[in-house]
N, C-alpha and C. Protein backbone atom coordinates (compact mmCIF):
# COMPACT_ATOMS: atom_id res chain seq x y z
N MET A 1 -79.66 49.46 240.44
CA MET A 1 -81.14 49.19 240.65
C MET A 1 -81.15 48.21 239.95
N ASN A 2 -82.39 47.04 240.45
CA ASN A 2 -82.18 46.30 238.90
C ASN A 2 -83.17 46.48 238.34
N ALA A 3 -83.77 45.83 238.04
CA ALA A 3 -84.61 45.91 236.03
C ALA A 3 -86.17 45.66 236.36
N GLY A 4 -86.53 44.76 238.27
CA GLY A 4 -87.85 45.13 238.34
C GLY A 4 -87.74 46.39 238.83
N GLN A 5 -86.78 47.10 240.00
CA GLN A 5 -86.99 48.22 240.04
C GLN A 5 -87.62 49.29 239.01
N ASP A 6 -86.38 49.19 237.98
CA ASP A 6 -86.61 49.73 237.09
C ASP A 6 -88.49 49.73 236.21
N LYS A 7 -88.64 48.30 236.28
CA LYS A 7 -89.98 48.48 235.20
C LYS A 7 -90.74 48.79 236.92
N GLY A 8 -91.12 48.78 237.44
CA GLY A 8 -91.83 49.62 238.67
C GLY A 8 -92.03 51.50 238.53
N ILE A 9 -90.47 51.99 238.27
CA ILE A 9 -90.35 53.35 238.75
C ILE A 9 -90.73 53.90 236.97
N ALA A 10 -90.78 52.93 236.34
CA ALA A 10 -91.24 53.54 234.58
C ALA A 10 -93.36 53.47 234.92
N LEU A 11 -93.52 52.44 235.36
CA LEU A 11 -95.10 52.34 235.61
C LEU A 11 -95.80 53.38 236.59
N ARG A 12 -94.99 54.24 237.57
CA ARG A 12 -95.05 54.74 238.07
C ARG A 12 -95.66 56.06 237.62
N ARG A 13 -94.46 56.54 236.68
CA ARG A 13 -94.54 57.22 235.81
C ARG A 13 -95.71 58.05 235.08
N LYS A 14 -95.99 58.95 234.97
CA LYS A 14 -97.34 60.09 234.65
C LYS A 14 -96.86 60.56 233.43
N VAL A 15 -97.50 60.01 231.94
CA VAL A 15 -97.84 61.02 230.38
C VAL A 15 -98.56 62.07 230.66
N GLN A 16 -98.14 62.82 229.90
CA GLN A 16 -99.72 64.08 229.75
C GLN A 16 -99.63 64.60 228.24
N ILE A 17 -100.93 64.26 228.31
CA ILE A 17 -101.40 64.62 226.17
C ILE A 17 -101.86 65.98 226.45
N GLU A 18 -102.48 66.28 225.10
CA GLU A 18 -103.17 67.21 224.84
C GLU A 18 -104.36 66.28 224.32
N LEU A 19 -105.65 67.16 223.74
CA LEU A 19 -106.65 66.59 222.45
C LEU A 19 -107.56 67.33 222.75
N GLN A 20 -108.82 66.91 222.22
CA GLN A 20 -110.03 67.50 221.86
C GLN A 20 -110.44 66.62 222.33
N LEU A 21 -111.42 67.57 223.58
CA LEU A 21 -112.84 66.26 224.69
C LEU A 21 -114.04 66.93 224.51
N ASN A 22 -115.32 66.49 224.09
CA ASN A 22 -116.25 66.67 223.43
C ASN A 22 -115.91 68.07 222.47
N GLY A 23 -115.19 68.19 221.90
CA GLY A 23 -115.14 70.37 221.06
C GLY A 23 -114.23 70.89 222.22
N GLU A 24 -114.06 70.85 223.19
CA GLU A 24 -113.03 71.58 224.13
C GLU A 24 -111.74 70.72 224.23
N PRO A 25 -110.26 71.57 224.53
CA PRO A 25 -109.07 71.66 224.44
C PRO A 25 -108.67 71.07 225.79
N THR A 26 -108.05 69.88 226.17
CA THR A 26 -108.22 68.94 227.29
C THR A 26 -106.53 68.84 228.02
N GLU A 27 -106.86 68.50 228.89
CA GLU A 27 -104.94 68.23 229.27
C GLU A 27 -105.18 66.40 230.04
N VAL A 28 -104.76 66.04 230.43
CA VAL A 28 -104.42 64.71 231.36
C VAL A 28 -104.06 64.09 231.31
N SER A 29 -102.93 64.16 232.72
CA SER A 29 -101.93 62.71 232.52
C SER A 29 -102.57 61.96 233.00
N PHE A 30 -101.64 60.59 233.51
CA PHE A 30 -102.34 59.35 233.66
C PHE A 30 -101.21 58.61 233.24
N ALA A 31 -101.12 56.71 234.26
CA ALA A 31 -100.16 55.20 233.56
C ALA A 31 -100.10 55.79 232.14
N PRO A 32 -98.78 55.19 231.70
CA PRO A 32 -98.95 54.63 229.86
C PRO A 32 -99.59 53.70 229.69
N TYR A 33 -99.75 52.99 230.38
CA TYR A 33 -100.55 51.84 230.21
C TYR A 33 -102.01 51.64 230.63
N LYS A 34 -102.69 52.81 230.58
CA LYS A 34 -104.07 52.60 230.51
C LYS A 34 -104.62 53.45 229.08
N THR A 35 -106.20 52.24 228.97
CA THR A 35 -106.84 52.49 227.97
C THR A 35 -107.63 54.26 228.46
N LEU A 36 -108.29 54.42 227.43
CA LEU A 36 -109.03 55.49 226.97
C LEU A 36 -109.68 55.38 228.07
N LEU A 37 -110.21 54.11 227.95
CA LEU A 37 -111.59 53.99 228.34
C LEU A 37 -110.96 54.45 229.92
N GLU A 38 -110.34 53.83 230.55
CA GLU A 38 -109.77 54.35 232.05
C GLU A 38 -109.57 54.95 231.90
N VAL A 39 -108.58 55.27 230.97
CA VAL A 39 -108.23 57.35 231.43
C VAL A 39 -109.94 57.80 231.28
N LEU A 40 -110.80 57.79 230.29
CA LEU A 40 -111.96 58.63 230.36
C LEU A 40 -112.27 58.82 231.44
N ARG A 41 -113.06 57.56 232.22
CA ARG A 41 -113.87 56.94 233.36
C ARG A 41 -113.01 57.41 234.28
N GLU A 42 -111.81 56.75 235.03
CA GLU A 42 -110.85 57.49 236.36
C GLU A 42 -110.12 58.89 236.34
N ASP A 43 -109.59 59.29 235.42
CA ASP A 43 -108.87 60.82 235.39
C ASP A 43 -109.25 61.56 234.73
N LEU A 44 -110.77 61.93 233.84
CA LEU A 44 -111.48 62.84 233.43
C LEU A 44 -112.93 62.61 234.37
N GLY A 45 -113.01 61.39 234.92
CA GLY A 45 -114.51 61.88 235.80
C GLY A 45 -115.84 61.75 234.69
N LEU A 46 -115.62 60.90 233.19
CA LEU A 46 -116.79 60.87 232.49
C LEU A 46 -116.90 59.24 232.24
N PRO A 47 -118.20 58.58 232.58
CA PRO A 47 -118.46 57.62 233.75
C PRO A 47 -119.24 56.81 232.35
N GLY A 48 -119.72 58.08 231.23
CA GLY A 48 -120.23 57.62 230.96
C GLY A 48 -120.59 56.82 229.34
N THR A 49 -119.15 56.79 229.37
CA THR A 49 -118.62 55.54 228.69
C THR A 49 -118.43 53.89 229.59
N LYS A 50 -119.68 53.05 229.47
CA LYS A 50 -119.38 51.85 230.03
C LYS A 50 -117.93 50.87 230.21
N HIS A 51 -117.70 50.32 231.27
CA HIS A 51 -116.97 49.01 230.87
C HIS A 51 -117.48 48.16 231.09
N GLY A 52 -117.33 47.42 230.03
CA GLY A 52 -118.07 46.19 229.58
C GLY A 52 -117.18 45.07 229.70
N CYS A 53 -116.99 44.31 228.28
CA CYS A 53 -115.59 43.40 229.04
C CYS A 53 -114.26 43.43 228.17
N GLU A 54 -114.75 44.39 228.30
CA GLU A 54 -112.48 44.79 228.21
C GLU A 54 -112.14 43.64 227.11
N LEU A 55 -112.61 43.44 226.40
CA LEU A 55 -112.16 42.49 225.23
C LEU A 55 -113.17 42.49 223.33
N GLY A 56 -113.32 43.82 224.08
CA GLY A 56 -113.80 44.41 222.72
C GLY A 56 -114.60 43.67 221.80
N GLU A 57 -115.67 43.09 222.89
CA GLU A 57 -116.50 42.19 222.42
C GLU A 57 -118.07 42.63 222.62
N CYS A 58 -118.57 43.57 222.99
CA CYS A 58 -119.82 44.06 223.82
C CYS A 58 -120.48 45.53 222.86
N GLY A 59 -118.80 46.63 223.35
CA GLY A 59 -119.13 47.79 222.32
C GLY A 59 -119.67 48.62 223.59
N ALA A 60 -119.70 48.58 224.41
CA ALA A 60 -120.41 49.02 225.53
C ALA A 60 -119.44 50.67 225.48
N CYS A 61 -118.25 50.20 225.35
CA CYS A 61 -117.12 51.34 225.80
C CYS A 61 -117.01 52.09 224.36
N ALA A 62 -118.11 52.32 223.39
CA ALA A 62 -117.52 52.62 221.63
C ALA A 62 -117.00 54.52 222.69
N VAL A 63 -116.36 55.11 221.59
CA VAL A 63 -116.29 56.32 221.61
C VAL A 63 -115.38 56.79 220.33
N LEU A 64 -116.09 57.70 219.92
CA LEU A 64 -115.82 58.23 218.31
C LEU A 64 -114.49 59.43 219.31
N LEU A 65 -113.24 58.80 217.66
CA LEU A 65 -111.65 58.92 217.59
C LEU A 65 -112.10 59.87 216.31
N ASP A 66 -111.72 60.80 216.32
CA ASP A 66 -111.69 61.76 215.38
C ASP A 66 -112.77 61.24 214.55
N GLY A 67 -113.97 61.01 214.57
CA GLY A 67 -114.67 60.70 213.81
C GLY A 67 -115.14 59.43 213.83
N VAL A 68 -114.27 58.57 214.24
CA VAL A 68 -114.75 56.69 213.73
C VAL A 68 -115.02 56.16 215.46
N PRO A 69 -115.59 55.20 215.37
CA PRO A 69 -116.49 54.02 216.53
C PRO A 69 -115.18 54.29 216.79
N VAL A 70 -114.44 54.01 217.43
CA VAL A 70 -113.72 53.54 219.06
C VAL A 70 -114.10 52.63 219.90
N LEU A 71 -113.52 50.88 220.51
CA LEU A 71 -113.84 50.08 221.47
C LEU A 71 -112.49 51.06 222.52
N SER A 72 -112.99 51.45 223.19
CA SER A 72 -111.94 52.14 224.39
C SER A 72 -111.80 51.64 224.85
N CYS A 73 -111.73 50.24 225.40
CA CYS A 73 -111.21 49.62 225.99
C CYS A 73 -109.92 48.93 225.05
N LEU A 74 -109.73 49.35 224.32
CA LEU A 74 -108.69 47.83 223.54
C LEU A 74 -107.77 49.18 222.75
N VAL A 75 -108.08 50.85 222.57
CA VAL A 75 -107.53 51.77 222.62
C VAL A 75 -106.60 52.42 223.42
N LEU A 76 -104.76 52.33 223.00
CA LEU A 76 -103.55 52.78 224.49
C LEU A 76 -104.57 54.15 224.39
N ALA A 77 -104.20 55.21 226.05
CA ALA A 77 -104.81 56.88 225.56
C ALA A 77 -103.53 57.91 224.93
N VAL A 78 -102.28 57.19 225.03
CA VAL A 78 -101.25 57.23 224.56
C VAL A 78 -100.77 58.22 223.06
N GLU A 79 -102.01 56.55 222.55
CA GLU A 79 -102.32 56.29 221.69
C GLU A 79 -103.46 58.07 220.66
N CYS A 80 -103.51 59.24 221.22
CA CYS A 80 -105.01 59.88 221.40
C CYS A 80 -104.71 61.07 221.84
N ALA A 81 -103.14 61.50 221.71
CA ALA A 81 -102.22 63.31 221.94
C ALA A 81 -102.99 63.08 220.84
N GLY A 82 -102.98 64.81 220.69
CA GLY A 82 -103.53 65.84 219.57
C GLY A 82 -104.82 65.49 219.12
N ARG A 83 -105.30 64.55 219.23
CA ARG A 83 -106.34 63.61 218.80
C ARG A 83 -108.19 64.15 219.07
N SER A 84 -109.44 63.94 218.29
CA SER A 84 -110.45 64.15 219.11
C SER A 84 -110.86 63.09 219.31
N ILE A 85 -111.68 63.75 221.03
CA ILE A 85 -112.39 62.01 221.32
C ILE A 85 -113.95 62.74 221.23
N GLU A 86 -115.00 61.74 221.51
CA GLU A 86 -116.13 62.07 221.41
C GLU A 86 -116.81 61.00 222.39
N THR A 87 -117.53 61.83 223.29
CA THR A 87 -118.36 60.82 224.58
C THR A 87 -119.85 61.11 224.82
N VAL A 88 -120.58 59.93 225.42
CA VAL A 88 -121.94 60.45 225.59
C VAL A 88 -121.93 61.65 226.37
N GLU A 89 -121.38 62.13 227.23
CA GLU A 89 -121.04 63.50 227.72
C GLU A 89 -121.20 64.50 226.75
N GLY A 90 -120.70 64.33 225.59
CA GLY A 90 -120.77 65.70 224.38
C GLY A 90 -122.23 65.56 223.53
N LEU A 91 -122.40 64.73 223.50
CA LEU A 91 -124.42 64.98 222.92
C LEU A 91 -125.23 65.86 222.55
N ALA A 92 -125.64 66.06 224.45
CA ALA A 92 -126.75 66.82 224.30
C ALA A 92 -125.78 68.52 224.72
N ARG A 93 -126.56 68.97 224.26
CA ARG A 93 -125.79 70.54 224.26
C ARG A 93 -126.82 71.22 225.00
N GLY A 94 -126.15 71.87 226.18
CA GLY A 94 -127.11 72.00 227.28
C GLY A 94 -128.00 71.25 228.11
N PRO A 95 -128.75 72.00 227.80
CA PRO A 95 -130.26 70.52 228.65
C PRO A 95 -130.86 70.22 227.31
N GLU A 96 -130.37 70.83 225.68
CA GLU A 96 -131.21 70.19 224.72
C GLU A 96 -130.52 68.33 224.60
N LEU A 97 -131.78 67.76 224.49
CA LEU A 97 -130.78 66.31 224.45
C LEU A 97 -130.69 66.27 222.84
N HIS A 98 -129.84 65.18 222.68
CA HIS A 98 -129.72 65.10 220.47
C HIS A 98 -130.27 64.36 220.53
N PRO A 99 -130.50 64.56 219.28
CA PRO A 99 -131.72 63.55 218.63
C PRO A 99 -131.82 62.35 218.92
N LEU A 100 -130.75 61.99 218.78
CA LEU A 100 -130.04 60.17 219.31
C LEU A 100 -130.91 59.38 220.34
N GLN A 101 -130.55 60.87 221.32
CA GLN A 101 -130.41 60.55 222.92
C GLN A 101 -132.52 60.35 223.16
N ALA A 102 -132.53 61.68 222.44
CA ALA A 102 -133.74 61.84 222.66
C ALA A 102 -135.26 60.78 222.12
N ALA A 103 -135.06 60.44 220.90
CA ALA A 103 -135.16 59.15 219.80
C ALA A 103 -134.94 58.03 220.95
N LEU A 104 -134.30 57.26 221.30
CA LEU A 104 -134.06 56.23 221.88
C LEU A 104 -134.91 56.02 223.60
N THR A 105 -134.84 57.27 224.13
CA THR A 105 -136.06 57.60 225.35
C THR A 105 -136.80 57.56 224.78
N ASP A 106 -137.70 58.44 223.74
CA ASP A 106 -139.39 58.36 223.41
C ASP A 106 -139.34 57.43 222.96
N LEU A 107 -139.16 56.12 222.44
CA LEU A 107 -139.21 55.20 221.49
C LEU A 107 -139.11 53.45 222.28
N GLY A 108 -138.77 53.78 223.35
CA GLY A 108 -137.97 52.75 224.40
C GLY A 108 -136.94 51.97 224.01
N GLY A 109 -135.75 52.29 223.28
CA GLY A 109 -134.64 51.77 222.68
C GLY A 109 -133.34 51.82 223.80
N SER A 110 -133.98 51.60 224.73
CA SER A 110 -132.78 51.91 226.64
C SER A 110 -133.72 51.20 227.54
N GLN A 111 -133.62 50.46 227.69
CA GLN A 111 -134.38 49.44 229.14
C GLN A 111 -132.81 49.73 230.25
N CYS A 112 -131.37 48.53 229.91
CA CYS A 112 -131.20 48.90 231.40
C CYS A 112 -130.23 50.10 231.24
N GLY A 113 -130.09 50.18 229.71
CA GLY A 113 -129.29 51.39 229.63
C GLY A 113 -127.25 51.16 229.75
N TYR A 114 -127.19 49.67 229.45
CA TYR A 114 -125.63 49.80 230.03
C TYR A 114 -125.03 50.26 228.09
N CYS A 115 -125.68 49.49 227.48
CA CYS A 115 -125.58 49.41 226.20
C CYS A 115 -125.50 51.09 225.85
N THR A 116 -126.24 51.71 225.80
CA THR A 116 -126.58 53.15 225.27
C THR A 116 -125.55 53.46 225.39
N PRO A 117 -124.94 53.73 225.91
CA PRO A 117 -123.80 55.22 225.56
C PRO A 117 -123.57 54.75 224.74
N GLY A 118 -122.48 53.55 224.09
CA GLY A 118 -121.58 53.11 223.38
C GLY A 118 -122.75 53.12 221.41
N MET A 119 -124.07 52.81 221.99
CA MET A 119 -124.42 52.30 220.69
C MET A 119 -125.57 53.61 220.11
N LEU A 120 -125.34 54.58 220.90
CA LEU A 120 -124.94 56.05 220.95
C LEU A 120 -124.41 56.75 219.89
N MET A 121 -123.33 56.33 220.18
CA MET A 121 -121.55 56.80 220.12
C MET A 121 -121.63 56.33 218.51
N THR A 122 -121.55 55.05 217.87
CA THR A 122 -121.95 54.16 217.11
C THR A 122 -122.62 54.43 216.02
N ALA A 123 -124.25 55.00 216.57
CA ALA A 123 -124.96 55.75 215.57
C ALA A 123 -124.89 56.99 215.13
N LYS A 124 -124.14 57.73 216.47
CA LYS A 124 -123.75 59.21 214.84
C LYS A 124 -122.85 59.12 214.19
N ALA A 125 -121.80 58.35 214.71
CA ALA A 125 -121.32 58.09 213.55
C ALA A 125 -121.42 57.56 212.43
N LEU A 126 -122.58 57.02 212.79
CA LEU A 126 -123.55 56.04 211.12
C LEU A 126 -124.47 57.32 210.72
N LEU A 127 -124.62 58.64 210.94
CA LEU A 127 -125.43 59.66 211.11
C LEU A 127 -124.16 60.61 210.06
N ASP A 128 -123.73 60.62 210.54
CA ASP A 128 -122.61 61.81 210.32
C ASP A 128 -122.07 61.74 209.10
N ARG A 129 -121.91 60.15 208.71
CA ARG A 129 -121.67 59.44 207.29
C ARG A 129 -122.10 59.55 206.60
N GLU A 130 -124.01 58.70 207.17
CA GLU A 130 -125.11 58.75 206.04
C GLU A 130 -126.13 59.19 206.47
N PRO A 131 -126.58 60.45 206.70
CA PRO A 131 -127.44 60.78 207.20
C PRO A 131 -128.75 60.19 206.59
N ASN A 132 -128.91 59.35 205.05
CA ASN A 132 -129.94 58.42 205.66
C ASN A 132 -130.12 57.39 205.31
N PRO A 133 -129.56 56.31 206.75
CA PRO A 133 -129.07 54.91 206.04
C PRO A 133 -130.11 54.44 206.49
N SER A 134 -130.31 52.86 205.24
CA SER A 134 -131.75 52.05 205.48
C SER A 134 -131.15 51.25 206.87
N ARG A 135 -132.91 50.35 206.97
CA ARG A 135 -132.72 49.90 208.28
C ARG A 135 -131.78 48.99 207.87
N GLU A 136 -131.21 47.93 207.11
CA GLU A 136 -130.27 47.33 206.91
C GLU A 136 -128.93 47.98 207.54
N ARG A 137 -128.44 49.65 206.87
CA ARG A 137 -127.70 49.44 206.77
C ARG A 137 -127.16 49.98 208.99
N ILE A 138 -128.72 50.43 209.02
CA ILE A 138 -128.46 50.75 211.06
C ILE A 138 -127.89 49.82 211.43
N ARG A 139 -128.42 48.48 211.46
CA ARG A 139 -128.42 47.27 211.64
C ARG A 139 -126.79 47.04 211.54
N GLU A 140 -126.22 46.98 210.31
CA GLU A 140 -124.93 46.92 210.35
C GLU A 140 -123.78 47.93 211.24
N ALA A 141 -124.47 48.64 211.39
CA ALA A 141 -123.81 49.92 212.16
C ALA A 141 -123.78 49.20 212.95
N ILE A 142 -124.67 49.05 214.12
CA ILE A 142 -124.05 49.16 215.10
C ILE A 142 -124.69 47.24 215.61
N ALA A 143 -123.76 46.33 214.62
CA ALA A 143 -123.84 44.98 215.01
C ALA A 143 -122.65 44.96 215.67
N GLY A 144 -121.77 45.42 215.81
CA GLY A 144 -120.82 45.78 217.35
C GLY A 144 -121.38 46.03 219.01
N ASN A 145 -122.31 46.37 218.74
CA ASN A 145 -122.77 46.74 219.87
C ASN A 145 -124.23 45.92 221.04
N ILE A 146 -123.64 44.93 221.80
CA ILE A 146 -124.66 43.75 222.21
C ILE A 146 -125.24 44.60 223.07
N CYS A 147 -126.92 43.92 223.11
CA CYS A 147 -128.23 44.54 223.80
C CYS A 147 -128.61 43.70 224.67
N ARG A 148 -128.87 43.17 225.49
CA ARG A 148 -128.76 42.02 226.15
C ARG A 148 -131.60 42.36 226.84
N CYS A 149 -131.58 43.82 226.35
CA CYS A 149 -132.57 43.79 227.04
C CYS A 149 -133.62 44.32 225.60
N THR A 150 -133.97 44.56 224.34
CA THR A 150 -134.48 45.28 223.68
C THR A 150 -134.93 44.72 222.47
N GLY A 151 -133.49 43.73 221.85
CA GLY A 151 -134.20 43.30 220.78
C GLY A 151 -133.61 43.85 219.92
N TYR A 152 -133.08 45.34 219.91
CA TYR A 152 -132.80 46.27 218.86
C TYR A 152 -134.04 46.42 217.84
N GLN A 153 -135.00 46.10 217.43
CA GLN A 153 -136.24 46.69 216.84
C GLN A 153 -136.30 48.57 217.47
N GLN A 154 -136.61 48.98 218.82
CA GLN A 154 -136.40 50.35 219.41
C GLN A 154 -135.32 50.86 218.88
N ILE A 155 -133.85 50.70 218.86
CA ILE A 155 -132.96 51.02 218.82
C ILE A 155 -132.79 51.19 217.38
N VAL A 156 -133.09 49.98 216.26
CA VAL A 156 -133.35 50.71 214.64
C VAL A 156 -134.25 51.91 214.51
N ASP A 157 -135.48 51.15 215.17
CA ASP A 157 -136.93 52.17 214.98
C ASP A 157 -135.88 54.10 215.20
N ALA A 158 -134.93 53.75 216.54
CA ALA A 158 -135.20 55.61 217.51
C ALA A 158 -133.47 55.77 216.92
N ILE A 159 -132.40 55.25 216.16
CA ILE A 159 -131.68 56.41 215.10
C ILE A 159 -132.43 56.04 212.89
N GLU A 160 -133.32 55.77 212.70
CA GLU A 160 -133.93 55.97 212.27
C GLU A 160 -134.62 57.29 212.28
N SER A 161 -135.38 57.50 213.14
CA SER A 161 -136.67 58.70 213.88
C SER A 161 -135.79 59.78 213.76
N ALA A 162 -133.91 59.92 214.30
CA ALA A 162 -133.36 60.76 214.65
C ALA A 162 -132.56 61.35 213.06
N ALA A 163 -132.79 60.15 212.89
CA ALA A 163 -131.81 60.14 211.20
C ALA A 163 -133.19 60.87 210.67
N ARG A 164 -134.44 61.14 210.25
CA ARG A 164 -135.05 62.08 210.22
C ARG A 164 -134.80 63.52 210.89
N GLU A 165 -134.95 63.31 211.69
CA GLU A 165 -135.01 64.62 212.56
C GLU A 165 -133.91 65.61 212.13
N LEU A 166 -132.90 64.70 212.73
CA LEU A 166 -131.62 65.76 212.14
C LEU A 166 -131.97 66.32 210.16
N ARG A 167 -132.28 65.54 209.24
CA ARG A 167 -132.14 65.15 208.18
C ARG A 167 -133.32 66.70 208.14
N ALA A 168 -134.36 67.09 208.64
CA ALA A 168 -135.14 68.16 208.59
C ALA A 168 -134.60 69.33 209.46
N ALA A 169 -133.62 68.91 210.67
CA ALA A 169 -132.96 70.30 211.22
C ALA A 169 -131.79 70.77 209.71
N ASP A 170 -131.37 69.72 209.48
CA ASP A 170 -130.38 70.40 208.44
C ASP A 170 -130.96 71.03 206.94
N GLU A 171 -132.56 70.63 206.49
CA GLU A 171 -132.94 70.75 205.69
C GLU A 171 -133.69 72.92 206.05
N ALA A 172 -134.03 72.46 207.36
CA ALA A 172 -134.61 74.34 208.08
C ALA A 172 -133.20 75.00 207.49
N SER A 173 -131.79 74.42 208.08
CA SER A 173 -130.98 74.99 208.49
C SER A 173 -129.70 76.03 207.25
N ALA A 174 -130.69 75.31 205.80
CA ALA A 174 -130.30 75.35 204.42
C ALA A 174 -130.55 76.53 203.90
């Protein structure tokens, strides 16, 4: 067997990893060269994470990896073994939308919707770390998420509104 044949065989082999996906233990097998974005969409059937630029410039593919927003088009899936991944599919609990999802809908922060999943996950990470961010801090947090439709005003308003709702819910449960 020559080197080219060895490489072809290696590319056809699959790896298997275990991870936490939206709070659930998950096992997945995939080709070792696949990005996290590809595995989420193609192997795990989660199309919410959007396939945008594939260069890490648009933010449409943002997910949370161990609570930190990452661009899933730039992360190899094999790097996620044993780690926790949160996608937009994991935000809502049953029929009830996450406050970020509801606010984005109610305040017109989503038009075509392509940037929405990445925007939501980036905003969730911000609010998990900072329950009361300033408008400037919100703008900084979502700076890597490109939206071509809204002009960002409604998105910032929605994140600010969701932050208020989440704080009120925390205070009520304390």
